[in-house]
Amino acid sequence: MIYELKKDDFSFPNPKEANENGVVAFGGDLNPQRLINAYKNGIFPWPYPNYPLLWFSPNPRAVLYPNFLHVSRSFRRSLKKYEIRVDTNFHEVIAFCAKTRNDKQGTWITDEMIKAYCELFEMGFAHSVESYDDSKELVGGLYGVCVGNIFCGESMFSLRQDASKAALYALCQKVGEKGGFIDCQVINTHLKSLGAVEISRDIFLQKLQVALSKPILF
């Protein structure tokens, strides 16, 4: 049985009760308080067309430890091309993430998701890391949600070579300083190439509980 969320109840079932596909619950909405509760429980929304809103806690879980990020010599040279800023253009970052993903393979970043995460940004829970070229144009970046010293990454985009990776590099430095890591949710080839690894859901949830007692990253 998959738990059905109620509109007026922001609680979640135990993430360990997720089915074999990682689905914990369905329904509810993207109310900011529901989203905050979800991330604090190791759960995140992932909309699918023609389905009610689905909430996931996959096993295993993909994570990126800051010192695992793959940094080549050529990438180090690319770093010099970009200026990194934090939280100066969140709305445009999430819009670019939605557009670039939709152009390639379709996107889960619906208008409702954009609205909800922009609200989280205004509340100080969601953050963006941005790459700008020498003409001060936004050319890459990423966004996600902070849970203590864990950055729960949602999506990234790049309009120039290594622009999103430059933002990720800066984020890794920040997260590493705070003793945390980046939650990448589900592994894929690109994340593996960056240095992401998989850990069990149990271990992730244990680390999450520790992270909740730590100062927030930003």
N, C-alpha and C. Protein backbone atom coordinates (compact mmCIF):
# COMPACT_ATOMS: atom_id res chain seq x y z
N MET A 1 0.84 -1.19 0.00
CA MET A 1 0.00 0.00 0.00
C MET A 1 0.88 1.25 0.00
N ILE A 2 0.59 2.18 -0.91
CA ILE A 2 1.28 3.46 -0.94
C ILE A 2 0.41 4.49 -0.25
N TYR A 3 0.99 5.23 0.65
CA TYR A 3 0.26 6.18 1.48
C TYR A 3 -0.25 7.35 0.65
N GLU A 4 -1.51 7.73 0.86
CA GLU A 4 -2.08 8.89 0.18
C GLU A 4 -2.04 10.09 1.11
N LEU A 5 -1.39 11.17 0.66
CA LEU A 5 -1.29 12.39 1.46
C LEU A 5 -2.59 13.17 1.40
N LYS A 6 -2.92 13.81 2.50
CA LYS A 6 -4.11 14.62 2.59
C LYS A 6 -3.74 16.11 2.48
N LYS A 7 -4.64 16.89 1.93
CA LYS A 7 -4.37 18.30 1.69
C LYS A 7 -4.03 19.06 2.97
N ASP A 8 -4.67 18.71 4.07
CA ASP A 8 -4.50 19.47 5.31
C ASP A 8 -3.56 18.79 6.30
N ASP A 9 -2.84 17.77 5.86
CA ASP A 9 -1.92 17.04 6.73
C ASP A 9 -0.56 17.00 6.04
N PHE A 10 0.46 17.63 6.63
CA PHE A 10 1.77 17.75 6.01
C PHE A 10 2.75 16.67 6.49
N SER A 11 2.25 15.68 7.21
CA SER A 11 3.13 14.62 7.69
C SER A 11 3.37 13.59 6.58
N PHE A 12 4.40 12.76 6.77
CA PHE A 12 4.76 11.71 5.81
C PHE A 12 4.92 10.38 6.51
N PRO A 13 4.69 9.29 5.78
CA PRO A 13 4.97 7.97 6.36
C PRO A 13 6.48 7.75 6.47
N ASN A 14 6.86 6.69 7.13
CA ASN A 14 8.27 6.33 7.24
C ASN A 14 8.85 6.10 5.85
N PRO A 15 9.93 6.80 5.48
CA PRO A 15 10.51 6.62 4.14
C PRO A 15 10.96 5.20 3.86
N LYS A 16 11.20 4.42 4.91
CA LYS A 16 11.62 3.04 4.73
C LYS A 16 10.48 2.16 4.21
N GLU A 17 9.27 2.70 4.21
CA GLU A 17 8.12 1.95 3.72
C GLU A 17 7.90 2.16 2.22
N ALA A 18 8.82 2.83 1.55
CA ALA A 18 8.70 3.04 0.10
C ALA A 18 8.65 1.71 -0.63
N ASN A 19 7.99 1.70 -1.78
CA ASN A 19 7.94 0.46 -2.56
C ASN A 19 9.24 0.24 -3.31
N GLU A 20 9.30 -0.79 -4.15
CA GLU A 20 10.55 -1.14 -4.84
C GLU A 20 11.03 -0.06 -5.80
N ASN A 21 10.13 0.86 -6.19
CA ASN A 21 10.52 1.97 -7.06
C ASN A 21 10.87 3.24 -6.28
N GLY A 22 10.84 3.13 -4.97
CA GLY A 22 11.18 4.27 -4.13
C GLY A 22 10.02 5.19 -3.83
N VAL A 23 8.81 4.83 -4.25
CA VAL A 23 7.64 5.69 -4.01
C VAL A 23 7.15 5.50 -2.58
N VAL A 24 7.08 6.62 -1.85
CA VAL A 24 6.64 6.61 -0.46
C VAL A 24 5.15 6.93 -0.36
N ALA A 25 4.72 7.91 -1.18
CA ALA A 25 3.34 8.39 -1.07
C ALA A 25 2.93 9.05 -2.37
N PHE A 26 1.63 9.35 -2.46
CA PHE A 26 1.14 10.11 -3.60
C PHE A 26 0.11 11.12 -3.11
N GLY A 27 -0.14 12.13 -3.95
CA GLY A 27 -1.15 13.11 -3.60
C GLY A 27 -0.58 14.30 -2.84
N GLY A 28 -1.46 14.98 -2.14
CA GLY A 28 -1.06 16.19 -1.45
C GLY A 28 -0.81 17.32 -2.44
N ASP A 29 0.06 18.23 -2.07
CA ASP A 29 0.37 19.36 -2.93
C ASP A 29 1.79 19.82 -2.65
N LEU A 30 2.18 20.93 -3.28
CA LEU A 30 3.54 21.45 -3.12
C LEU A 30 3.59 22.63 -2.16
N ASN A 31 2.74 22.58 -1.15
CA ASN A 31 2.79 23.59 -0.09
C ASN A 31 4.21 23.66 0.47
N PRO A 32 4.78 24.84 0.66
CA PRO A 32 6.17 24.93 1.14
C PRO A 32 6.42 24.15 2.43
N GLN A 33 5.47 24.18 3.36
CA GLN A 33 5.68 23.45 4.61
C GLN A 33 5.73 21.95 4.37
N ARG A 34 4.92 21.45 3.43
CA ARG A 34 4.97 20.04 3.09
C ARG A 34 6.33 19.69 2.48
N LEU A 35 6.84 20.56 1.60
CA LEU A 35 8.14 20.33 0.99
C LEU A 35 9.25 20.29 2.04
N ILE A 36 9.21 21.22 2.96
CA ILE A 36 10.24 21.27 4.01
C ILE A 36 10.20 19.98 4.83
N ASN A 37 8.99 19.55 5.21
CA ASN A 37 8.85 18.31 5.97
C ASN A 37 9.36 17.11 5.17
N ALA A 38 9.09 17.12 3.87
CA ALA A 38 9.55 16.02 3.02
C ALA A 38 11.07 15.91 3.05
N TYR A 39 11.76 17.02 2.78
CA TYR A 39 13.22 16.97 2.74
C TYR A 39 13.81 16.59 4.10
N LYS A 40 13.19 17.02 5.18
CA LYS A 40 13.68 16.66 6.51
C LYS A 40 13.50 15.17 6.79
N ASN A 41 12.66 14.52 6.00
CA ASN A 41 12.44 13.08 6.15
C ASN A 41 13.08 12.26 5.03
N GLY A 42 13.93 12.90 4.23
CA GLY A 42 14.62 12.17 3.16
C GLY A 42 13.72 11.86 1.99
N ILE A 43 12.68 12.68 1.77
CA ILE A 43 11.69 12.45 0.73
C ILE A 43 11.65 13.66 -0.19
N PHE A 44 11.38 13.43 -1.47
CA PHE A 44 11.29 14.54 -2.41
C PHE A 44 10.20 14.26 -3.44
N PRO A 45 9.60 15.32 -4.01
CA PRO A 45 8.56 15.12 -5.03
C PRO A 45 9.18 14.93 -6.41
N TRP A 46 8.50 14.16 -7.22
CA TRP A 46 8.96 13.95 -8.60
C TRP A 46 7.73 13.73 -9.46
N PRO A 47 7.19 14.79 -10.04
CA PRO A 47 5.95 14.67 -10.83
C PRO A 47 6.14 13.82 -12.09
N TYR A 48 5.12 13.02 -12.38
CA TYR A 48 5.06 12.25 -13.62
C TYR A 48 3.76 12.60 -14.35
N PRO A 49 3.81 12.75 -15.68
CA PRO A 49 2.59 13.05 -16.43
C PRO A 49 1.52 11.97 -16.21
N ASN A 50 0.29 12.42 -16.06
CA ASN A 50 -0.88 11.54 -15.94
C ASN A 50 -0.91 10.72 -14.65
N TYR A 51 -0.08 11.11 -13.67
CA TYR A 51 -0.12 10.49 -12.35
C TYR A 51 -0.37 11.56 -11.30
N PRO A 52 -0.94 11.18 -10.16
CA PRO A 52 -0.97 12.13 -9.04
C PRO A 52 0.46 12.44 -8.61
N LEU A 53 0.64 13.50 -7.87
CA LEU A 53 1.98 13.88 -7.42
C LEU A 53 2.61 12.73 -6.62
N LEU A 54 3.82 12.31 -7.04
CA LEU A 54 4.51 11.20 -6.39
C LEU A 54 5.64 11.71 -5.51
N TRP A 55 5.86 11.03 -4.38
CA TRP A 55 6.91 11.39 -3.42
C TRP A 55 7.84 10.18 -3.25
N PHE A 56 9.16 10.44 -3.33
CA PHE A 56 10.14 9.36 -3.40
C PHE A 56 11.15 9.39 -2.25
N SER A 57 11.61 8.21 -1.90
CA SER A 57 12.79 8.02 -1.05
C SER A 57 13.49 6.77 -1.56
N PRO A 58 14.33 6.92 -2.58
CA PRO A 58 14.91 5.75 -3.25
C PRO A 58 15.94 5.01 -2.41
N ASN A 59 16.10 3.75 -2.73
CA ASN A 59 17.13 2.92 -2.12
C ASN A 59 17.79 2.08 -3.23
N PRO A 60 19.10 2.31 -3.51
CA PRO A 60 20.02 3.19 -2.80
C PRO A 60 19.82 4.66 -3.16
N ARG A 61 20.59 5.50 -2.48
CA ARG A 61 20.52 6.96 -2.66
C ARG A 61 21.85 7.44 -3.24
N ALA A 62 21.77 8.34 -4.22
CA ALA A 62 22.99 8.89 -4.82
C ALA A 62 23.44 10.12 -4.04
N VAL A 63 24.71 10.17 -3.70
CA VAL A 63 25.27 11.32 -2.99
C VAL A 63 26.62 11.68 -3.60
N LEU A 64 27.01 12.92 -3.39
CA LEU A 64 28.33 13.38 -3.83
C LEU A 64 29.04 13.99 -2.64
N TYR A 65 30.12 13.33 -2.23
CA TYR A 65 30.96 13.88 -1.17
C TYR A 65 31.90 14.90 -1.81
N PRO A 66 32.07 16.07 -1.20
CA PRO A 66 32.84 17.14 -1.83
C PRO A 66 34.22 16.73 -2.33
N ASN A 67 34.91 15.90 -1.56
CA ASN A 67 36.27 15.51 -1.97
C ASN A 67 36.27 14.42 -3.03
N PHE A 68 35.07 13.94 -3.43
CA PHE A 68 34.97 12.94 -4.50
C PHE A 68 34.75 13.58 -5.87
N LEU A 69 34.50 14.89 -5.91
CA LEU A 69 34.24 15.55 -7.18
C LEU A 69 35.44 15.40 -8.11
N HIS A 70 35.19 14.92 -9.33
CA HIS A 70 36.26 14.74 -10.30
C HIS A 70 36.67 16.09 -10.89
N VAL A 71 37.92 16.45 -10.71
CA VAL A 71 38.43 17.74 -11.19
C VAL A 71 39.65 17.48 -12.07
N SER A 72 39.48 17.62 -13.38
CA SER A 72 40.58 17.41 -14.33
C SER A 72 41.38 18.70 -14.51
N ARG A 73 42.53 18.57 -15.14
CA ARG A 73 43.35 19.76 -15.42
C ARG A 73 42.62 20.72 -16.34
N SER A 74 41.95 20.18 -17.35
CA SER A 74 41.23 21.04 -18.29
C SER A 74 40.09 21.78 -17.59
N PHE A 75 39.44 21.09 -16.64
CA PHE A 75 38.37 21.75 -15.91
C PHE A 75 38.91 22.86 -15.02
N ARG A 76 40.06 22.64 -14.41
CA ARG A 76 40.65 23.70 -13.58
C ARG A 76 40.90 24.95 -14.42
N ARG A 77 41.27 24.76 -15.68
CA ARG A 77 41.46 25.92 -16.55
C ARG A 77 40.12 26.59 -16.85
N SER A 78 39.08 25.78 -16.99
CA SER A 78 37.75 26.33 -17.27
C SER A 78 37.23 27.16 -16.11
N LEU A 79 37.61 26.82 -14.90
CA LEU A 79 37.13 27.54 -13.72
C LEU A 79 37.43 29.04 -13.80
N LYS A 80 38.54 29.36 -14.43
CA LYS A 80 38.97 30.76 -14.51
C LYS A 80 38.04 31.59 -15.40
N LYS A 81 37.21 30.92 -16.20
CA LYS A 81 36.34 31.63 -17.13
C LYS A 81 35.08 32.18 -16.45
N TYR A 82 34.78 31.69 -15.25
CA TYR A 82 33.47 31.98 -14.67
C TYR A 82 33.56 32.69 -13.33
N GLU A 83 32.60 33.58 -13.14
CA GLU A 83 32.38 34.22 -11.85
C GLU A 83 31.22 33.49 -11.18
N ILE A 84 31.41 33.10 -9.92
CA ILE A 84 30.38 32.34 -9.21
C ILE A 84 29.65 33.27 -8.23
N ARG A 85 28.34 33.19 -8.26
CA ARG A 85 27.51 33.93 -7.31
C ARG A 85 26.51 32.96 -6.68
N VAL A 86 26.00 33.35 -5.53
CA VAL A 86 25.02 32.53 -4.81
C VAL A 86 23.75 33.34 -4.57
N ASP A 87 22.61 32.77 -4.94
CA ASP A 87 21.29 33.33 -4.62
C ASP A 87 21.05 34.72 -5.21
N THR A 88 21.68 35.04 -6.33
CA THR A 88 21.42 36.35 -6.94
C THR A 88 20.41 36.27 -8.07
N ASN A 89 20.08 35.04 -8.53
CA ASN A 89 19.19 34.91 -9.69
C ASN A 89 18.48 33.54 -9.67
N PHE A 90 17.92 33.21 -8.52
CA PHE A 90 17.31 31.89 -8.35
C PHE A 90 16.23 31.63 -9.39
N HIS A 91 15.35 32.61 -9.60
CA HIS A 91 14.22 32.41 -10.50
C HIS A 91 14.68 32.07 -11.92
N GLU A 92 15.73 32.74 -12.38
CA GLU A 92 16.21 32.46 -13.73
C GLU A 92 16.91 31.11 -13.81
N VAL A 93 17.60 30.73 -12.74
CA VAL A 93 18.27 29.42 -12.72
C VAL A 93 17.25 28.30 -12.85
N ILE A 94 16.19 28.32 -12.07
CA ILE A 94 15.22 27.24 -12.14
C ILE A 94 14.49 27.25 -13.48
N ALA A 95 14.28 28.44 -14.05
CA ALA A 95 13.64 28.53 -15.37
C ALA A 95 14.54 27.93 -16.44
N PHE A 96 15.84 28.19 -16.38
CA PHE A 96 16.79 27.61 -17.34
C PHE A 96 16.84 26.09 -17.18
N CYS A 97 16.84 25.61 -15.92
CA CYS A 97 16.87 24.17 -15.69
C CYS A 97 15.66 23.50 -16.33
N ALA A 98 14.49 24.11 -16.18
CA ALA A 98 13.27 23.55 -16.76
C ALA A 98 13.35 23.55 -18.28
N LYS A 99 13.82 24.65 -18.86
CA LYS A 99 13.86 24.77 -20.31
C LYS A 99 14.86 23.82 -20.94
N THR A 100 16.08 23.78 -20.41
CA THR A 100 17.12 22.96 -21.02
C THR A 100 16.78 21.47 -20.90
N ARG A 101 16.18 21.06 -19.78
CA ARG A 101 15.80 19.66 -19.63
C ARG A 101 14.64 19.32 -20.57
N ASN A 102 13.69 20.24 -20.69
CA ASN A 102 12.54 19.99 -21.54
C ASN A 102 12.95 19.87 -23.00
N ASP A 103 13.96 20.66 -23.40
CA ASP A 103 14.46 20.61 -24.77
C ASP A 103 15.10 19.25 -25.07
N LYS A 104 15.66 18.61 -24.04
CA LYS A 104 16.40 17.35 -24.25
C LYS A 104 15.54 16.11 -24.06
N GLN A 105 14.82 16.03 -22.93
CA GLN A 105 14.16 14.76 -22.60
C GLN A 105 12.87 14.95 -21.81
N GLY A 106 12.35 16.12 -21.77
CA GLY A 106 11.18 16.36 -20.95
C GLY A 106 11.60 16.71 -19.53
N THR A 107 10.72 17.40 -18.82
CA THR A 107 11.11 17.87 -17.50
C THR A 107 10.02 17.62 -16.48
N TRP A 108 10.43 17.35 -15.24
CA TRP A 108 9.50 17.28 -14.12
C TRP A 108 9.34 18.65 -13.48
N ILE A 109 10.12 19.64 -13.96
CA ILE A 109 10.08 20.98 -13.36
C ILE A 109 8.90 21.74 -13.96
N THR A 110 7.72 21.43 -13.48
CA THR A 110 6.49 22.02 -13.97
C THR A 110 6.35 23.46 -13.46
N ASP A 111 5.37 24.17 -13.98
CA ASP A 111 5.11 25.52 -13.50
C ASP A 111 4.81 25.51 -12.00
N GLU A 112 4.11 24.48 -11.54
CA GLU A 112 3.78 24.37 -10.12
C GLU A 112 5.05 24.15 -9.29
N MET A 113 5.97 23.34 -9.83
CA MET A 113 7.25 23.12 -9.12
C MET A 113 8.05 24.41 -9.06
N ILE A 114 8.10 25.14 -10.16
CA ILE A 114 8.83 26.41 -10.17
C ILE A 114 8.28 27.36 -9.13
N LYS A 115 6.97 27.50 -9.08
CA LYS A 115 6.33 28.39 -8.11
C LYS A 115 6.66 27.96 -6.69
N ALA A 116 6.57 26.67 -6.41
CA ALA A 116 6.81 26.17 -5.06
C ALA A 116 8.25 26.38 -4.61
N TYR A 117 9.21 26.11 -5.50
CA TYR A 117 10.61 26.25 -5.10
C TYR A 117 11.03 27.72 -5.03
N CYS A 118 10.39 28.56 -5.81
CA CYS A 118 10.65 30.00 -5.67
C CYS A 118 10.15 30.48 -4.31
N GLU A 119 9.03 29.92 -3.84
CA GLU A 119 8.55 30.24 -2.51
C GLU A 119 9.54 29.76 -1.44
N LEU A 120 10.09 28.56 -1.64
CA LEU A 120 11.10 28.05 -0.70
C LEU A 120 12.32 28.96 -0.69
N PHE A 121 12.68 29.48 -1.87
CA PHE A 121 13.81 30.40 -1.95
C PHE A 121 13.53 31.66 -1.14
N GLU A 122 12.34 32.22 -1.30
CA GLU A 122 11.97 33.43 -0.57
C GLU A 122 11.98 33.18 0.94
N MET A 123 11.71 31.94 1.34
CA MET A 123 11.70 31.58 2.76
C MET A 123 13.09 31.25 3.29
N GLY A 124 14.09 31.15 2.38
CA GLY A 124 15.45 30.88 2.80
C GLY A 124 15.84 29.42 2.84
N PHE A 125 15.00 28.53 2.27
CA PHE A 125 15.30 27.10 2.28
C PHE A 125 15.94 26.62 0.97
N ALA A 126 15.52 27.18 -0.14
CA ALA A 126 16.10 26.82 -1.44
C ALA A 126 17.16 27.83 -1.84
N HIS A 127 18.17 27.37 -2.59
CA HIS A 127 19.30 28.22 -2.95
C HIS A 127 19.79 27.90 -4.36
N SER A 128 20.44 28.87 -4.96
CA SER A 128 21.04 28.66 -6.28
C SER A 128 22.51 29.05 -6.24
N VAL A 129 23.30 28.33 -7.04
CA VAL A 129 24.70 28.67 -7.26
C VAL A 129 24.83 28.90 -8.76
N GLU A 130 25.41 30.04 -9.15
CA GLU A 130 25.33 30.51 -10.53
C GLU A 130 26.71 30.81 -11.12
N SER A 131 26.86 30.52 -12.40
CA SER A 131 28.09 30.82 -13.13
C SER A 131 27.82 31.92 -14.16
N TYR A 132 28.68 32.92 -14.17
CA TYR A 132 28.56 34.03 -15.12
C TYR A 132 29.84 34.13 -15.94
N ASP A 133 29.67 34.47 -17.23
CA ASP A 133 30.85 34.62 -18.08
C ASP A 133 31.40 36.04 -17.94
N ASP A 134 32.42 36.36 -18.74
CA ASP A 134 33.08 37.65 -18.58
C ASP A 134 32.23 38.83 -19.03
N SER A 135 31.09 38.55 -19.68
CA SER A 135 30.15 39.62 -20.03
C SER A 135 29.03 39.73 -19.01
N LYS A 136 29.18 39.02 -17.87
CA LYS A 136 28.22 39.03 -16.77
C LYS A 136 26.89 38.36 -17.14
N GLU A 137 26.93 37.45 -18.11
CA GLU A 137 25.74 36.72 -18.51
C GLU A 137 25.66 35.40 -17.76
N LEU A 138 24.48 35.07 -17.26
CA LEU A 138 24.26 33.79 -16.59
C LEU A 138 24.35 32.66 -17.60
N VAL A 139 25.31 31.76 -17.42
CA VAL A 139 25.53 30.70 -18.41
C VAL A 139 25.49 29.30 -17.80
N GLY A 140 25.25 29.20 -16.51
CA GLY A 140 25.18 27.89 -15.88
C GLY A 140 24.82 28.02 -14.42
N GLY A 141 24.38 26.92 -13.84
CA GLY A 141 24.06 26.97 -12.42
C GLY A 141 23.29 25.76 -11.96
N LEU A 142 22.91 25.78 -10.72
CA LEU A 142 22.16 24.69 -10.10
C LEU A 142 21.31 25.25 -8.97
N TYR A 143 20.34 24.45 -8.54
CA TYR A 143 19.54 24.86 -7.39
C TYR A 143 19.18 23.64 -6.57
N GLY A 144 18.80 23.88 -5.33
CA GLY A 144 18.41 22.79 -4.45
C GLY A 144 17.94 23.33 -3.12
N VAL A 145 17.78 22.43 -2.17
CA VAL A 145 17.24 22.75 -0.85
C VAL A 145 18.25 22.35 0.21
N CYS A 146 18.46 23.23 1.18
CA CYS A 146 19.39 22.93 2.27
C CYS A 146 18.66 22.30 3.44
N VAL A 147 19.20 21.20 3.94
CA VAL A 147 18.71 20.54 5.15
C VAL A 147 19.91 20.41 6.07
N GLY A 148 20.05 21.34 7.00
CA GLY A 148 21.26 21.38 7.80
C GLY A 148 22.46 21.58 6.88
N ASN A 149 23.46 20.69 7.00
CA ASN A 149 24.65 20.84 6.15
C ASN A 149 24.63 19.91 4.94
N ILE A 150 23.43 19.43 4.57
CA ILE A 150 23.25 18.68 3.32
C ILE A 150 22.58 19.59 2.30
N PHE A 151 23.13 19.60 1.09
CA PHE A 151 22.48 20.32 -0.01
C PHE A 151 21.77 19.29 -0.87
N CYS A 152 20.45 19.36 -0.90
CA CYS A 152 19.65 18.43 -1.69
C CYS A 152 19.51 18.99 -3.10
N GLY A 153 20.35 18.52 -4.01
CA GLY A 153 20.38 19.06 -5.36
C GLY A 153 19.14 18.66 -6.14
N GLU A 154 18.60 19.62 -6.89
CA GLU A 154 17.41 19.36 -7.70
C GLU A 154 17.74 19.29 -9.19
N SER A 155 18.42 20.29 -9.71
CA SER A 155 18.74 20.28 -11.14
C SER A 155 19.86 21.28 -11.41
N MET A 156 20.46 21.15 -12.60
CA MET A 156 21.51 22.07 -13.02
C MET A 156 21.42 22.27 -14.53
N PHE A 157 22.00 23.36 -15.01
CA PHE A 157 21.99 23.63 -16.44
C PHE A 157 23.32 24.26 -16.84
N SER A 158 23.64 24.17 -18.12
CA SER A 158 24.88 24.74 -18.63
C SER A 158 24.68 25.21 -20.05
N LEU A 159 25.03 26.48 -20.31
CA LEU A 159 24.99 27.04 -21.66
C LEU A 159 26.39 27.18 -22.24
N ARG A 160 27.41 26.93 -21.41
CA ARG A 160 28.80 26.99 -21.84
C ARG A 160 29.51 25.77 -21.26
N GLN A 161 30.61 25.39 -21.88
CA GLN A 161 31.36 24.23 -21.39
C GLN A 161 31.77 24.42 -19.93
N ASP A 162 31.44 23.43 -19.11
CA ASP A 162 31.82 23.36 -17.69
C ASP A 162 31.18 24.44 -16.83
N ALA A 163 30.19 25.17 -17.34
CA ALA A 163 29.59 26.25 -16.55
C ALA A 163 28.84 25.70 -15.33
N SER A 164 28.07 24.63 -15.52
CA SER A 164 27.35 24.06 -14.38
C SER A 164 28.32 23.37 -13.43
N LYS A 165 29.36 22.77 -13.98
CA LYS A 165 30.34 22.09 -13.14
C LYS A 165 31.12 23.10 -12.30
N ALA A 166 31.33 24.31 -12.83
CA ALA A 166 31.98 25.36 -12.05
C ALA A 166 31.14 25.73 -10.84
N ALA A 167 29.81 25.80 -11.05
CA ALA A 167 28.91 26.07 -9.93
C ALA A 167 28.95 24.93 -8.93
N LEU A 168 28.99 23.69 -9.43
CA LEU A 168 29.06 22.53 -8.55
C LEU A 168 30.36 22.52 -7.75
N TYR A 169 31.45 22.88 -8.40
CA TYR A 169 32.75 22.95 -7.73
C TYR A 169 32.69 23.93 -6.55
N ALA A 170 32.09 25.10 -6.79
CA ALA A 170 31.96 26.11 -5.74
C ALA A 170 31.07 25.59 -4.61
N LEU A 171 29.99 24.90 -4.99
CA LEU A 171 29.11 24.34 -3.98
C LEU A 171 29.84 23.29 -3.14
N CYS A 172 30.62 22.44 -3.78
CA CYS A 172 31.38 21.42 -3.05
C CYS A 172 32.33 22.05 -2.04
N GLN A 173 32.95 23.15 -2.43
CA GLN A 173 33.83 23.83 -1.49
C GLN A 173 33.06 24.31 -0.26
N LYS A 174 31.88 24.91 -0.51
CA LYS A 174 31.06 25.42 0.59
C LYS A 174 30.57 24.29 1.48
N VAL A 175 30.06 23.23 0.86
CA VAL A 175 29.54 22.09 1.62
C VAL A 175 30.66 21.40 2.39
N GLY A 176 31.83 21.28 1.75
CA GLY A 176 32.97 20.64 2.41
C GLY A 176 33.41 21.39 3.65
N GLU A 177 33.36 22.71 3.59
CA GLU A 177 33.74 23.53 4.75
C GLU A 177 32.84 23.25 5.95
N LYS A 178 31.59 22.89 5.66
CA LYS A 178 30.61 22.64 6.72
C LYS A 178 30.51 21.17 7.10
N GLY A 179 31.34 20.32 6.47
CA GLY A 179 31.35 18.91 6.81
C GLY A 179 30.16 18.13 6.27
N GLY A 180 29.52 18.66 5.23
CA GLY A 180 28.34 18.01 4.68
C GLY A 180 28.59 17.34 3.35
N PHE A 181 27.51 17.05 2.63
CA PHE A 181 27.61 16.44 1.31
C PHE A 181 26.40 16.85 0.49
N ILE A 182 26.38 16.44 -0.78
CA ILE A 182 25.29 16.79 -1.68
C ILE A 182 24.43 15.56 -1.95
N ASP A 183 23.15 15.69 -1.74
CA ASP A 183 22.19 14.64 -2.07
C ASP A 183 21.85 14.75 -3.55
N CYS A 184 22.15 13.73 -4.32
CA CYS A 184 21.88 13.72 -5.76
C CYS A 184 20.65 12.88 -6.11
N GLN A 185 20.02 12.30 -5.11
CA GLN A 185 18.78 11.53 -5.24
C GLN A 185 18.98 10.20 -5.96
N VAL A 186 19.05 10.20 -7.29
CA VAL A 186 19.13 8.95 -8.06
C VAL A 186 20.35 9.00 -8.98
N ILE A 187 21.14 7.95 -8.99
CA ILE A 187 22.37 7.93 -9.78
C ILE A 187 22.08 7.86 -11.28
N ASN A 188 22.94 8.48 -12.08
CA ASN A 188 22.91 8.31 -13.53
C ASN A 188 24.34 8.43 -14.04
N THR A 189 24.54 8.25 -15.33
CA THR A 189 25.89 8.25 -15.90
C THR A 189 26.59 9.58 -15.67
N HIS A 190 25.87 10.68 -15.85
CA HIS A 190 26.47 11.99 -15.68
C HIS A 190 26.92 12.20 -14.24
N LEU A 191 26.07 11.83 -13.28
CA LEU A 191 26.44 12.00 -11.87
C LEU A 191 27.64 11.13 -11.52
N LYS A 192 27.68 9.92 -12.06
CA LYS A 192 28.84 9.05 -11.82
C LYS A 192 30.11 9.70 -12.34
N SER A 193 30.02 10.33 -13.51
CA SER A 193 31.21 10.97 -14.10
C SER A 193 31.71 12.12 -13.23
N LEU A 194 30.81 12.71 -12.44
CA LEU A 194 31.19 13.81 -11.55
C LEU A 194 31.78 13.31 -10.24
N GLY A 195 31.52 12.04 -9.92
CA GLY A 195 32.05 11.47 -8.69
C GLY A 195 31.00 11.02 -7.70
N ALA A 196 29.72 11.07 -8.08
CA ALA A 196 28.66 10.62 -7.18
C ALA A 196 28.73 9.12 -6.95
N VAL A 197 28.32 8.70 -5.77
CA VAL A 197 28.29 7.29 -5.40
C VAL A 197 26.92 6.97 -4.80
N GLU A 198 26.66 5.69 -4.61
CA GLU A 198 25.40 5.26 -4.00
C GLU A 198 25.63 4.75 -2.59
N ILE A 199 24.71 5.11 -1.70
CA ILE A 199 24.71 4.57 -0.34
C ILE A 199 23.30 4.05 -0.06
N SER A 200 23.16 3.20 0.94
CA SER A 200 21.84 2.67 1.26
C SER A 200 20.95 3.76 1.82
N ARG A 201 19.66 3.57 1.68
CA ARG A 201 18.71 4.54 2.25
C ARG A 201 18.89 4.63 3.76
N ASP A 202 19.13 3.51 4.43
CA ASP A 202 19.31 3.54 5.89
C ASP A 202 20.47 4.45 6.29
N ILE A 203 21.59 4.31 5.58
CA ILE A 203 22.75 5.15 5.90
C ILE A 203 22.45 6.60 5.59
N PHE A 204 21.78 6.86 4.48
CA PHE A 204 21.42 8.23 4.14
C PHE A 204 20.55 8.85 5.23
N LEU A 205 19.55 8.11 5.69
CA LEU A 205 18.65 8.65 6.71
C LEU A 205 19.39 8.89 8.03
N GLN A 206 20.36 8.04 8.34
CA GLN A 206 21.17 8.27 9.54
C GLN A 206 21.97 9.56 9.41
N LYS A 207 22.57 9.76 8.23
CA LYS A 207 23.35 10.98 7.99
C LYS A 207 22.44 12.21 8.00
N LEU A 208 21.23 12.05 7.50
CA LEU A 208 20.28 13.15 7.48
C LEU A 208 19.93 13.60 8.90
N GLN A 209 19.73 12.67 9.80
CA GLN A 209 19.41 13.03 11.17
C GLN A 209 20.54 13.82 11.81
N VAL A 210 21.77 13.44 11.51
CA VAL A 210 22.92 14.20 12.02
C VAL A 210 22.94 15.59 11.40
N ALA A 211 22.67 15.66 10.10
CA ALA A 211 22.71 16.93 9.37
C ALA A 211 21.70 17.93 9.91
N LEU A 212 20.55 17.44 10.37
CA LEU A 212 19.51 18.34 10.86
C LEU A 212 19.95 19.12 12.10
N SER A 213 20.96 18.61 12.80
CA SER A 213 21.45 19.30 14.00
C SER A 213 22.56 20.29 13.68
N LYS A 214 22.96 20.34 12.39
CA LYS A 214 24.06 21.21 11.98
C LYS A 214 23.53 22.55 11.47
N PRO A 215 24.36 23.60 11.52
CA PRO A 215 23.95 24.89 10.96
C PRO A 215 23.70 24.78 9.46
N ILE A 216 22.71 25.49 8.96
CA ILE A 216 22.39 25.46 7.55
C ILE A 216 23.54 26.04 6.73
N LEU A 217 23.71 25.58 5.52
CA LEU A 217 24.87 25.94 4.69
C LEU A 217 24.92 27.41 4.34
N PHE A 218 23.76 28.00 4.02
CA PHE A 218 23.75 29.39 3.54
C PHE A 218 23.01 30.28 4.53
